[in-house]
């Protein structure tokens, strides 16, 4: 047993461990492990805090997105209503324009009818004057009577037509 290598390796390991223990190496290792454990715990706490903050930020962004979607929907709705109002106003203006143009056309037609009737009356009066003049020339004797009657008849016809 004293001559076996495993025995002396075990004795050397025990002596080495005793030297390390006496020198305080175990305390340093445990302190280092404790410090590493504290650092890991701090990192875990920081990660937990960051995760909670990320969750709050995510909730805030979701809330903002929902508000933005509602606002966009309101804008679209408002734009539709405005477009419908604009279309209704344009339709109303078009109808008013058509009514005015129709009234103007009817007024021009009525004016043209009145003018045509006046022209027809004037032509009829001229024809009546010419016929009357011809008849009076045939029936009346003398130049003075003829001139008097024609002038008087013409003045009467013109006065009646203008009235």
N, C-alpha and C. Protein backbone atom coordinates (compact mmCIF):
# COMPACT_ATOMS: atom_id res chain seq x y z
N UNK A 1 0.80 -1.16 0.00
CA UNK A 1 0.00 0.00 0.00
C UNK A 1 0.87 1.26 0.00
N UNK A 2 1.98 1.31 0.79
CA UNK A 2 2.83 2.47 0.78
C UNK A 2 3.63 2.57 -0.51
N UNK A 3 3.70 1.50 -1.22
CA UNK A 3 4.50 1.50 -2.43
C UNK A 3 3.66 1.73 -3.68
N UNK A 4 2.45 1.91 -3.51
CA UNK A 4 1.60 2.10 -4.68
C UNK A 4 1.49 3.60 -5.00
N UNK A 5 1.42 3.88 -6.28
CA UNK A 5 1.42 5.26 -6.76
C UNK A 5 0.12 5.98 -6.40
N UNK A 6 -0.96 5.29 -6.39
CA UNK A 6 -2.24 5.92 -6.09
C UNK A 6 -2.25 6.44 -4.67
N UNK A 7 -1.61 5.69 -3.76
CA UNK A 7 -1.56 6.11 -2.37
C UNK A 7 -0.81 7.43 -2.26
N UNK A 8 0.34 7.53 -2.91
CA UNK A 8 1.14 8.75 -2.81
C UNK A 8 0.46 9.92 -3.55
N UNK A 9 -0.30 9.65 -4.56
CA UNK A 9 -1.05 10.71 -5.25
C UNK A 9 -2.11 11.23 -4.31
N UNK A 10 -2.75 10.34 -3.54
CA UNK A 10 -3.79 10.76 -2.61
C UNK A 10 -3.18 11.57 -1.49
N UNK A 11 -1.97 11.12 -0.97
CA UNK A 11 -1.30 11.86 0.10
C UNK A 11 -0.90 13.23 -0.43
N UNK A 12 -0.36 13.32 -1.63
CA UNK A 12 0.07 14.59 -2.21
C UNK A 12 -1.13 15.51 -2.41
N UNK A 13 -2.24 14.96 -2.82
CA UNK A 13 -3.44 15.78 -3.01
C UNK A 13 -3.94 16.32 -1.69
N UNK A 14 -3.88 15.47 -0.62
CA UNK A 14 -4.33 15.91 0.70
C UNK A 14 -3.42 17.01 1.21
N UNK A 15 -2.11 16.87 1.01
CA UNK A 15 -1.16 17.90 1.45
C UNK A 15 -1.40 19.18 0.66
N UNK A 16 -1.58 19.05 -0.62
CA UNK A 16 -1.84 20.21 -1.49
C UNK A 16 -3.11 20.92 -1.05
N UNK A 17 -4.19 20.15 -0.76
CA UNK A 17 -5.46 20.74 -0.32
C UNK A 17 -5.28 21.43 1.01
N UNK A 18 -4.46 20.86 1.93
CA UNK A 18 -4.23 21.47 3.24
C UNK A 18 -3.47 22.78 3.08
N UNK A 19 -2.49 22.81 2.16
CA UNK A 19 -1.74 24.05 1.91
C UNK A 19 -2.67 25.12 1.36
N UNK A 20 -3.49 24.70 0.42
CA UNK A 20 -4.45 25.67 -0.16
C UNK A 20 -5.40 26.19 0.91
N UNK A 21 -5.84 25.30 1.77
CA UNK A 21 -6.79 25.72 2.81
C UNK A 21 -6.10 26.67 3.78
N UNK A 22 -4.90 26.35 4.14
CA UNK A 22 -4.14 27.19 5.06
C UNK A 22 -3.87 28.55 4.42
N UNK A 23 -3.58 28.59 3.14
CA UNK A 23 -3.28 29.83 2.44
C UNK A 23 -4.55 30.63 2.17
N UNK A 24 -5.69 30.08 2.39
CA UNK A 24 -6.95 30.79 2.18
C UNK A 24 -7.48 30.72 0.75
N UNK A 25 -7.02 29.80 -0.01
CA UNK A 25 -7.45 29.66 -1.40
C UNK A 25 -8.93 29.28 -1.48
N UNK A 26 -9.38 28.46 -0.55
CA UNK A 26 -10.79 28.07 -0.59
C UNK A 26 -11.69 29.28 -0.31
N UNK A 27 -11.21 30.12 0.63
CA UNK A 27 -11.99 31.31 0.94
C UNK A 27 -12.06 32.23 -0.30
N UNK A 28 -10.94 32.37 -0.99
CA UNK A 28 -10.91 33.20 -2.20
C UNK A 28 -11.83 32.62 -3.27
N UNK A 29 -11.79 31.29 -3.40
CA UNK A 29 -12.66 30.66 -4.41
C UNK A 29 -14.13 30.86 -4.04
N UNK A 30 -14.46 30.67 -2.77
CA UNK A 30 -15.86 30.85 -2.37
C UNK A 30 -16.28 32.31 -2.50
N UNK A 31 -15.35 33.23 -2.14
CA UNK A 31 -15.66 34.65 -2.31
C UNK A 31 -15.86 34.99 -3.80
N UNK A 32 -14.97 34.45 -4.63
CA UNK A 32 -15.10 34.69 -6.07
C UNK A 32 -16.42 34.12 -6.59
N UNK A 33 -16.78 32.92 -6.13
CA UNK A 33 -18.05 32.32 -6.56
C UNK A 33 -19.24 33.14 -6.04
N UNK A 34 -19.12 33.62 -4.77
CA UNK A 34 -20.19 34.46 -4.23
C UNK A 34 -20.34 35.75 -5.03
N UNK A 35 -19.17 36.36 -5.37
CA UNK A 35 -19.23 37.59 -6.17
C UNK A 35 -19.82 37.31 -7.54
N UNK A 36 -19.43 36.21 -8.12
CA UNK A 36 -19.99 35.85 -9.43
C UNK A 36 -21.48 35.59 -9.31
N UNK A 37 -21.92 34.93 -8.23
CA UNK A 37 -23.34 34.68 -8.00
C UNK A 37 -24.11 35.99 -7.84
N UNK A 38 -23.49 36.95 -7.08
CA UNK A 38 -24.13 38.28 -6.91
C UNK A 38 -24.23 39.01 -8.24
N UNK A 39 -23.14 38.93 -9.04
CA UNK A 39 -23.15 39.58 -10.36
C UNK A 39 -24.21 38.96 -11.26
N UNK A 40 -24.32 37.66 -11.24
CA UNK A 40 -25.34 36.97 -12.04
C UNK A 40 -26.73 37.36 -11.56
N UNK A 41 -26.90 37.43 -10.21
CA UNK A 41 -28.21 37.83 -9.67
C UNK A 41 -28.55 39.26 -10.09
N UNK A 42 -27.52 40.15 -10.05
CA UNK A 42 -27.74 41.53 -10.49
C UNK A 42 -28.12 41.57 -11.97
N UNK A 43 -27.44 40.77 -12.77
CA UNK A 43 -27.77 40.73 -14.20
C UNK A 43 -29.17 40.18 -14.41
N UNK A 44 -29.55 39.16 -13.63
CA UNK A 44 -30.92 38.62 -13.73
C UNK A 44 -31.95 39.68 -13.32
N UNK A 45 -31.65 40.42 -12.23
CA UNK A 45 -32.56 41.49 -11.81
C UNK A 45 -32.67 42.57 -12.88
N UNK A 46 -31.52 42.92 -13.47
CA UNK A 46 -31.51 43.93 -14.56
C UNK A 46 -32.31 43.41 -15.75
N UNK A 47 -32.14 42.14 -16.09
CA UNK A 47 -32.88 41.56 -17.21
C UNK A 47 -34.38 41.57 -16.92
N UNK A 48 -34.72 41.26 -15.66
CA UNK A 48 -36.15 41.27 -15.27
C UNK A 48 -36.71 42.69 -15.38
N UNK A 49 -35.92 43.68 -14.92
CA UNK A 49 -36.36 45.07 -14.99
C UNK A 49 -36.52 45.50 -16.46
N UNK A 50 -35.55 45.13 -17.29
CA UNK A 50 -35.62 45.46 -18.71
C UNK A 50 -36.82 44.79 -19.38
N UNK A 51 -37.08 43.55 -18.98
CA UNK A 51 -38.24 42.84 -19.55
C UNK A 51 -39.53 43.54 -19.17
N UNK A 52 -39.65 43.96 -17.91
CA UNK A 52 -40.85 44.67 -17.48
C UNK A 52 -40.98 46.01 -18.20
N UNK A 53 -39.84 46.69 -18.35
CA UNK A 53 -39.86 47.96 -19.08
C UNK A 53 -40.25 47.74 -20.54
N UNK A 54 -39.73 46.68 -21.15
CA UNK A 54 -40.09 46.35 -22.54
C UNK A 54 -41.57 46.02 -22.64
N UNK A 55 -42.10 45.34 -21.62
CA UNK A 55 -43.54 45.03 -21.62
C UNK A 55 -44.35 46.32 -21.54
N UNK A 56 -43.90 47.28 -20.70
CA UNK A 56 -44.60 48.56 -20.60
C UNK A 56 -44.52 49.33 -21.91
N UNK A 57 -43.33 49.33 -22.51
CA UNK A 57 -43.16 50.02 -23.79
C UNK A 57 -44.03 49.38 -24.86
N UNK A 58 -44.07 48.04 -24.87
CA UNK A 58 -44.91 47.33 -25.84
C UNK A 58 -46.38 47.69 -25.63
N UNK A 59 -46.81 47.70 -24.38
CA UNK A 59 -48.21 48.07 -24.09
C UNK A 59 -48.48 49.50 -24.52
N UNK A 60 -47.52 50.39 -24.28
CA UNK A 60 -47.68 51.79 -24.69
C UNK A 60 -47.77 51.91 -26.22
N UNK A 61 -46.90 51.18 -26.92
CA UNK A 61 -46.95 51.20 -28.39
C UNK A 61 -48.25 50.60 -28.92
N UNK A 62 -48.71 49.55 -28.28
CA UNK A 62 -49.98 48.96 -28.72
C UNK A 62 -51.12 49.95 -28.50
N UNK A 63 -51.08 50.65 -27.37
CA UNK A 63 -52.10 51.65 -27.09
C UNK A 63 -52.03 52.78 -28.12
N UNK A 64 -50.82 53.24 -28.40
CA UNK A 64 -50.64 54.30 -29.42
C UNK A 64 -51.10 53.82 -30.79
N UNK A 65 -50.78 52.57 -31.13
CA UNK A 65 -51.20 52.05 -32.43
C UNK A 65 -52.71 52.00 -32.52
N UNK A 66 -53.36 51.57 -31.42
CA UNK A 66 -54.81 51.53 -31.40
C UNK A 66 -55.38 52.93 -31.56
N UNK A 67 -54.80 53.89 -30.84
CA UNK A 67 -55.25 55.27 -30.97
C UNK A 67 -55.02 55.80 -32.38
N UNK A 68 -53.87 55.47 -32.96
CA UNK A 68 -53.57 55.91 -34.32
C UNK A 68 -54.54 55.29 -35.32
N UNK A 69 -54.89 54.01 -35.11
CA UNK A 69 -55.85 53.37 -36.01
C UNK A 69 -57.21 54.03 -35.88
N UNK A 70 -57.61 54.34 -34.62
CA UNK A 70 -58.89 55.03 -34.43
C UNK A 70 -58.86 56.40 -35.08
N UNK A 71 -57.75 57.10 -34.92
CA UNK A 71 -57.63 58.43 -35.51
C UNK A 71 -57.64 58.34 -37.03
N UNK A 72 -56.95 57.36 -37.58
CA UNK A 72 -56.95 57.17 -39.04
C UNK A 72 -58.35 56.84 -39.53
N UNK A 73 -59.05 56.03 -38.78
CA UNK A 73 -60.43 55.68 -39.15
C UNK A 73 -61.31 56.93 -39.12
N UNK A 74 -61.10 57.77 -38.11
CA UNK A 74 -61.87 59.01 -38.02
C UNK A 74 -61.54 59.94 -39.18
N UNK A 75 -60.25 59.98 -39.55
CA UNK A 75 -59.85 60.83 -40.68
C UNK A 75 -60.48 60.32 -41.97
N UNK A 76 -60.45 59.01 -42.17
CA UNK A 76 -61.05 58.44 -43.38
C UNK A 76 -62.56 58.71 -43.40
N UNK A 77 -63.19 58.54 -42.25
CA UNK A 77 -64.63 58.80 -42.16
C UNK A 77 -64.93 60.27 -42.46
N UNK A 78 -64.13 61.15 -41.89
CA UNK A 78 -64.30 62.58 -42.13
C UNK A 78 -64.08 62.91 -43.61
N UNK A 79 -63.06 62.30 -44.19
CA UNK A 79 -62.79 62.54 -45.61
C UNK A 79 -63.95 62.05 -46.48
N UNK A 80 -64.51 60.89 -46.13
CA UNK A 80 -65.67 60.40 -46.89
C UNK A 80 -66.84 61.36 -46.79
N UNK A 81 -67.11 61.81 -45.55
CA UNK A 81 -68.22 62.75 -45.37
C UNK A 81 -67.98 64.03 -46.14
N UNK A 82 -66.74 64.52 -46.11
CA UNK A 82 -66.40 65.75 -46.83
C UNK A 82 -66.56 65.54 -48.34
N UNK A 83 -66.14 64.38 -48.82
CA UNK A 83 -66.28 64.08 -50.25
C UNK A 83 -67.75 63.99 -50.63
N UNK A 84 -68.56 63.37 -49.76
CA UNK A 84 -69.99 63.29 -50.04
C UNK A 84 -70.62 64.67 -50.05
N UNK A 85 -70.22 65.52 -49.08
CA UNK A 85 -70.74 66.90 -49.07
C UNK A 85 -70.32 67.64 -50.32
N UNK A 86 -69.05 67.47 -50.70
CA UNK A 86 -68.56 68.13 -51.91
C UNK A 86 -69.32 67.67 -53.14
N UNK A 87 -69.57 66.37 -53.20
CA UNK A 87 -70.32 65.84 -54.36
C UNK A 87 -71.74 66.39 -54.37
N UNK A 88 -72.36 66.46 -53.18
CA UNK A 88 -73.73 67.00 -53.11
C UNK A 88 -73.74 68.47 -53.50
N UNK A 89 -72.74 69.22 -53.03
CA UNK A 89 -72.67 70.64 -53.40
C UNK A 89 -72.44 70.79 -54.90
N UNK A 90 -71.57 69.97 -55.46
CA UNK A 90 -71.30 70.03 -56.90
C UNK A 90 -72.57 69.68 -57.68
N UNK A 91 -73.31 68.67 -57.20
CA UNK A 91 -74.56 68.29 -57.85
C UNK A 91 -75.55 69.45 -57.79
N UNK A 92 -75.65 70.09 -56.62
CA UNK A 92 -76.57 71.21 -56.46
C UNK A 92 -76.17 72.37 -57.37
N UNK A 93 -74.87 72.66 -57.42
CA UNK A 93 -74.40 73.75 -58.30
C UNK A 93 -74.69 73.42 -59.77
N UNK A 94 -74.52 72.13 -60.12
CA UNK A 94 -74.79 71.73 -61.50
C UNK A 94 -76.28 71.91 -61.82
N UNK A 95 -77.13 71.50 -60.88
CA UNK A 95 -78.57 71.66 -61.09
C UNK A 95 -78.94 73.14 -61.20
N UNK A 96 -78.35 73.98 -60.33
CA UNK A 96 -78.61 75.42 -60.41
C UNK A 96 -78.15 75.99 -61.74
N UNK A 97 -76.97 75.54 -62.19
CA UNK A 97 -76.44 76.00 -63.47
C UNK A 97 -77.37 75.62 -64.61
N UNK A 98 -77.84 74.37 -64.58
CA UNK A 98 -78.75 73.90 -65.63
C UNK A 98 -80.04 74.71 -65.60
N UNK A 99 -80.55 74.98 -64.39
CA UNK A 99 -81.78 75.77 -64.28
C UNK A 99 -81.58 77.18 -64.84
N UNK A 100 -80.45 77.79 -64.50
CA UNK A 100 -80.18 79.15 -65.01
C UNK A 100 -80.04 79.14 -66.52
N UNK A 101 -79.31 78.13 -67.02
CA UNK A 101 -79.14 78.06 -68.48
C UNK A 101 -80.47 77.80 -69.18
N UNK A 102 -81.31 76.95 -68.57
CA UNK A 102 -82.63 76.68 -69.14
C UNK A 102 -83.47 77.94 -69.13
N UNK A 103 -83.45 78.66 -68.00
CA UNK A 103 -84.22 79.91 -67.91
C UNK A 103 -83.72 80.93 -68.94
N UNK A 104 -82.39 81.02 -69.08
CA UNK A 104 -81.83 81.95 -70.06
C UNK A 104 -82.24 81.55 -71.48
N UNK A 105 -82.21 80.24 -71.75
CA UNK A 105 -82.61 79.77 -73.09
C UNK A 105 -84.09 80.05 -73.33
N UNK A 106 -84.92 79.81 -72.31
CA UNK A 106 -86.34 80.08 -72.46
C UNK A 106 -86.59 81.57 -72.66
N UNK A 107 -85.83 82.40 -71.95
CA UNK A 107 -85.97 83.85 -72.13
C UNK A 107 -85.57 84.26 -73.54
N UNK A 108 -84.49 83.68 -74.07
CA UNK A 108 -84.06 83.99 -75.43
C UNK A 108 -85.11 83.53 -76.44
N UNK A 109 -85.69 82.35 -76.18
CA UNK A 109 -86.73 81.83 -77.07
C UNK A 109 -87.94 82.76 -77.05
N UNK A 110 -88.34 83.19 -75.83
CA UNK A 110 -89.49 84.09 -75.72
C UNK A 110 -89.19 85.42 -76.41
N UNK A 111 -87.96 85.90 -76.24
CA UNK A 111 -87.57 87.15 -76.90
C UNK A 111 -87.59 86.97 -78.41
N UNK A 112 -87.09 85.83 -78.89
CA UNK A 112 -87.09 85.57 -80.33
C UNK A 112 -88.52 85.47 -80.85
N UNK A 113 -89.41 84.83 -80.06
CA UNK A 113 -90.82 84.74 -80.47
C UNK A 113 -91.44 86.13 -80.54
N UNK A 114 -91.17 86.95 -79.52
CA UNK A 114 -91.71 88.32 -79.51
C UNK A 114 -91.18 89.11 -80.69
N UNK A 115 -89.90 88.98 -80.95
CA UNK A 115 -89.30 89.69 -82.07
C UNK A 115 -89.88 89.19 -83.38
N UNK A 116 -90.05 87.87 -83.49
CA UNK A 116 -90.62 87.31 -84.73
C UNK A 116 -92.04 87.81 -84.92
N UNK A 117 -92.82 87.83 -83.81
CA UNK A 117 -94.20 88.33 -83.92
C UNK A 117 -94.21 89.80 -84.31
N UNK A 118 -93.29 90.58 -83.74
CA UNK A 118 -93.20 92.00 -84.09
C UNK A 118 -92.85 92.17 -85.56
N UNK A 119 -91.92 91.33 -86.03
CA UNK A 119 -91.55 91.39 -87.44
C UNK A 119 -92.71 90.99 -88.34
N UNK A 120 -93.45 89.95 -87.89
CA UNK A 120 -94.62 89.52 -88.68
C UNK A 120 -95.67 90.63 -88.69
N UNK A 121 -95.90 91.25 -87.52
CA UNK A 121 -96.86 92.36 -87.47
C UNK A 121 -96.42 93.52 -88.34
N UNK A 122 -95.12 93.81 -88.28
CA UNK A 122 -94.61 94.91 -89.10
C UNK A 122 -94.77 94.58 -90.57
N UNK A 123 -94.46 93.31 -90.93
CA UNK A 123 -94.61 92.92 -92.34
C UNK A 123 -96.08 92.95 -92.74
N UNK A 124 -96.95 92.50 -91.81
CA UNK A 124 -98.39 92.53 -92.11
C UNK A 124 -98.87 93.98 -92.23
N UNK A 125 -98.37 94.84 -91.35
CA UNK A 125 -98.76 96.25 -91.41
C UNK A 125 -98.28 96.89 -92.71
N UNK A 126 -97.04 96.58 -93.10
CA UNK A 126 -96.53 97.12 -94.37
C UNK A 126 -97.36 96.61 -95.54
N UNK A 127 -97.69 95.32 -95.47
CA UNK A 127 -98.52 94.76 -96.56
C UNK A 127 -99.90 95.42 -96.55
N UNK A 128 -100.48 95.62 -95.34
CA UNK A 128 -101.79 96.26 -95.24
C UNK A 128 -101.73 97.69 -95.73
N UNK A 129 -100.64 98.36 -95.40
CA UNK A 129 -100.49 99.75 -95.87
C UNK A 129 -100.41 99.79 -97.38
N UNK A 130 -99.61 98.88 -97.93
CA UNK A 130 -99.48 98.86 -99.40
C UNK A 130 -100.81 98.54 -100.07
N UNK A 131 -101.54 97.56 -99.48
CA UNK A 131 -102.85 97.20 -100.06
C UNK A 131 -103.82 98.37 -99.90
N UNK A 132 -103.80 98.98 -98.70
CA UNK A 132 -104.70 100.12 -98.46
C UNK A 132 -104.36 101.26 -99.40
N UNK A 133 -103.11 101.49 -99.58
CA UNK A 133 -102.68 102.58 -100.47
C UNK A 133 -103.15 102.31 -101.89
N UNK A 134 -103.00 101.07 -102.29
CA UNK A 134 -103.43 100.73 -103.66
C UNK A 134 -104.95 100.88 -103.80
N UNK A 135 -105.69 100.44 -102.78
CA UNK A 135 -107.16 100.54 -102.83
C UNK A 135 -107.59 102.00 -102.80
N UNK A 136 -106.96 102.78 -101.94
CA UNK A 136 -107.33 104.19 -101.84
C UNK A 136 -107.01 104.94 -103.12
N UNK A 137 -105.97 104.60 -103.78
CA UNK A 137 -105.63 105.27 -105.04
C UNK A 137 -106.68 104.97 -106.10
N UNK A 138 -107.16 103.78 -106.08
CA UNK A 138 -108.16 103.42 -107.07
C UNK A 138 -109.50 104.10 -106.79
N UNK A 139 -109.87 104.24 -105.53
CA UNK A 139 -111.19 104.73 -105.18
C UNK A 139 -111.25 106.25 -105.02
N UNK A 140 -110.24 106.86 -104.64
CA UNK A 140 -110.31 108.30 -104.37
C UNK A 140 -110.00 109.08 -105.64
N UNK A 141 -110.58 110.25 -105.63
CA UNK A 141 -110.35 111.11 -106.78
C UNK A 141 -109.46 112.26 -106.34
N UNK A 142 -108.58 112.57 -107.12
CA UNK A 142 -107.71 113.72 -106.85
C UNK A 142 -106.48 113.33 -106.06
N UNK A 143 -105.48 114.10 -106.34
CA UNK A 143 -104.20 113.84 -105.71
C UNK A 143 -104.18 114.24 -104.23
N UNK A 144 -104.78 115.31 -103.84
CA UNK A 144 -104.76 115.80 -102.46
C UNK A 144 -105.48 114.85 -101.54
N UNK A 145 -106.61 114.32 -101.96
CA UNK A 145 -107.37 113.39 -101.15
C UNK A 145 -106.57 112.11 -100.95
N UNK A 146 -105.94 111.77 -102.05
CA UNK A 146 -105.16 110.55 -101.98
C UNK A 146 -104.01 110.68 -100.97
N UNK A 147 -103.30 111.78 -101.03
CA UNK A 147 -102.18 112.01 -100.12
C UNK A 147 -102.66 112.10 -98.69
N UNK A 148 -103.75 112.77 -98.42
CA UNK A 148 -104.30 112.97 -97.08
C UNK A 148 -104.72 111.64 -96.47
N UNK A 149 -105.41 110.88 -97.22
CA UNK A 149 -105.93 109.61 -96.73
C UNK A 149 -104.79 108.61 -96.47
N UNK A 150 -103.86 108.59 -97.31
CA UNK A 150 -102.75 107.65 -97.15
C UNK A 150 -101.94 108.01 -95.92
N UNK A 151 -101.62 109.26 -95.75
CA UNK A 151 -100.82 109.70 -94.60
C UNK A 151 -101.55 109.43 -93.31
N UNK A 152 -102.88 109.72 -93.30
CA UNK A 152 -103.66 109.49 -92.09
C UNK A 152 -103.76 108.00 -91.78
N UNK A 153 -103.98 107.19 -92.78
CA UNK A 153 -104.09 105.74 -92.59
C UNK A 153 -102.76 105.17 -92.10
N UNK A 154 -101.71 105.62 -92.69
CA UNK A 154 -100.39 105.13 -92.28
C UNK A 154 -100.10 105.51 -90.83
N UNK A 155 -100.40 106.71 -90.44
CA UNK A 155 -100.16 107.14 -89.06
C UNK A 155 -101.00 106.32 -88.09
N UNK A 156 -102.28 106.04 -88.47
CA UNK A 156 -103.15 105.23 -87.61
C UNK A 156 -102.62 103.81 -87.47
N UNK A 157 -102.21 103.23 -88.55
CA UNK A 157 -101.72 101.85 -88.52
C UNK A 157 -100.44 101.77 -87.65
N UNK A 158 -99.55 102.70 -87.85
CA UNK A 158 -98.29 102.70 -87.07
C UNK A 158 -98.58 102.90 -85.59
N UNK A 159 -99.46 103.80 -85.26
CA UNK A 159 -99.82 104.06 -83.88
C UNK A 159 -100.44 102.80 -83.25
N UNK A 160 -101.30 102.11 -83.94
CA UNK A 160 -101.95 100.90 -83.41
C UNK A 160 -100.94 99.77 -83.25
N UNK A 161 -100.02 99.63 -84.18
CA UNK A 161 -99.05 98.58 -84.10
C UNK A 161 -98.04 98.81 -82.96
N UNK A 162 -97.68 100.03 -82.72
CA UNK A 162 -96.72 100.36 -81.67
C UNK A 162 -97.35 100.28 -80.29
N UNK A 163 -98.66 100.37 -80.22
CA UNK A 163 -99.32 100.35 -78.91
C UNK A 163 -99.38 99.02 -78.28
